[in-house]
Amino acid sequence: MTDLLFIGAGALAVLFAGLLPFQRTLYGSAACLLVALLQVAVLFAASGSPLLGLLQLILYAGGVMVMVVAAIIMFFVLRERYY
């Protein structure tokens, strides 16, 4: 069962990381990055270190998503200012 979890989570992480450069929108890129980082957190948790999985989830996935939301807000602010 654990082997199947590792193979599935690893395959999804590689798949979404590979799809990331081909996204045309910021939303698609953010979704692919979020899924890839969540799968890495699952791999950490399944390997017996839930603290690393939790830190991966909070620091990397949460931090990247906050930065993406800030970029979206800045995009709309600059678009309203100059157009």
Protein backbone atom coordinates (compact mmCIF):
# COMPACT_ATOMS: atom_id res chain seq x y z
CA MET A 1 0.00 0.00 0.00
CA THR A 2 2.80 2.41 0.87
CA ASP A 3 4.59 1.64 -2.39
CA LEU A 4 1.47 2.48 -4.35
CA LEU A 5 1.12 5.77 -2.45
CA PHE A 6 4.73 6.71 -3.20
CA ILE A 7 4.39 5.85 -6.88
CA GLY A 8 1.11 7.76 -7.21
CA ALA A 9 2.25 10.85 -5.33
CA GLY A 10 5.60 10.90 -7.10
CA ALA A 11 3.99 10.51 -10.52
CA LEU A 12 1.52 13.31 -9.83
CA ALA A 13 4.30 15.59 -8.56
CA VAL A 14 6.37 14.99 -11.69
CA LEU A 15 3.34 15.35 -13.96
CA PHE A 16 2.23 18.70 -12.54
CA ALA A 17 5.79 20.00 -12.33
CA GLY A 18 6.18 19.11 -16.00
CA LEU A 19 2.92 20.86 -16.91
CA LEU A 20 3.90 24.02 -15.05
CA PRO A 21 5.97 25.75 -17.79
CA PHE A 22 3.27 25.18 -20.40
CA GLN A 23 0.51 27.07 -18.59
CA ARG A 24 -0.61 30.29 -20.21
CA THR A 25 -2.26 31.90 -17.20
CA LEU A 26 -1.08 32.70 -13.73
CA TYR A 27 -3.96 30.71 -12.28
CA GLY A 28 -2.98 27.56 -14.14
CA SER A 29 0.63 27.92 -13.11
CA ALA A 30 -0.35 28.46 -9.49
CA ALA A 31 -2.60 25.39 -9.51
CA CYS A 32 0.12 23.18 -11.00
CA LEU A 33 2.69 24.45 -8.52
CA LEU A 34 0.32 23.96 -5.61
CA VAL A 35 -0.47 20.36 -6.59
CA ALA A 36 3.22 19.55 -7.08
CA LEU A 37 4.11 20.97 -3.66
CA LEU A 38 1.21 19.17 -2.01
CA GLN A 39 2.38 15.89 -3.48
CA VAL A 40 5.86 16.47 -2.08
CA ALA A 41 4.26 17.06 1.32
CA VAL A 42 2.39 13.76 0.93
CA LEU A 43 5.67 12.02 0.12
CA PHE A 44 7.28 13.44 3.26
CA ALA A 45 4.33 12.45 5.44
CA ALA A 46 4.13 8.94 3.98
CA SER A 47 7.84 8.35 4.48
CA GLY A 48 7.46 8.69 8.22
CA SER A 49 8.26 12.34 8.82
CA PRO A 50 4.96 14.17 9.23
CA LEU A 51 6.70 17.27 10.58
CA LEU A 52 8.54 17.77 7.29
CA GLY A 53 5.28 17.23 5.42
CA LEU A 54 3.55 19.84 7.56
CA LEU A 55 6.42 22.30 7.15
CA GLN A 56 6.38 21.72 3.38
CA LEU A 57 2.67 22.42 3.36
CA ILE A 58 2.80 25.55 5.51
CA LEU A 59 6.03 27.18 4.37
CA TYR A 60 6.36 26.37 0.71
CA ALA A 61 2.83 25.80 -0.50
CA GLY A 62 1.35 28.52 1.70
CA GLY A 63 4.13 30.98 0.98
CA VAL A 64 3.98 30.48 -2.77
CA MET A 65 0.22 30.88 -2.79
CA VAL A 66 0.44 34.13 -0.82
CA MET A 67 2.98 35.43 -3.33
CA VAL A 68 0.72 34.45 -6.23
CA VAL A 69 -2.25 36.23 -4.67
CA ALA A 70 -0.08 39.33 -4.15
CA ALA A 71 1.02 39.20 -7.79
CA ILE A 72 -2.60 38.95 -8.93
CA ILE A 73 -3.58 41.92 -6.79
CA MET A 74 -0.65 43.98 -8.10
CA PHE A 75 -1.56 43.06 -11.68
CA PHE A 76 -5.10 44.37 -11.27
CA VAL A 77 -3.93 47.52 -9.46
CA LEU A 78 -1.39 48.34 -12.18
CA ARG A 79 -3.89 47.54 -14.94
CA GLU A 80 -6.44 49.96 -13.47
CA ARG A 81 -3.83 52.66 -13.03
CA TYR A 82 -2.44 52.65 -16.57
CA TYR A 83 -5.48 51.69 -18.63
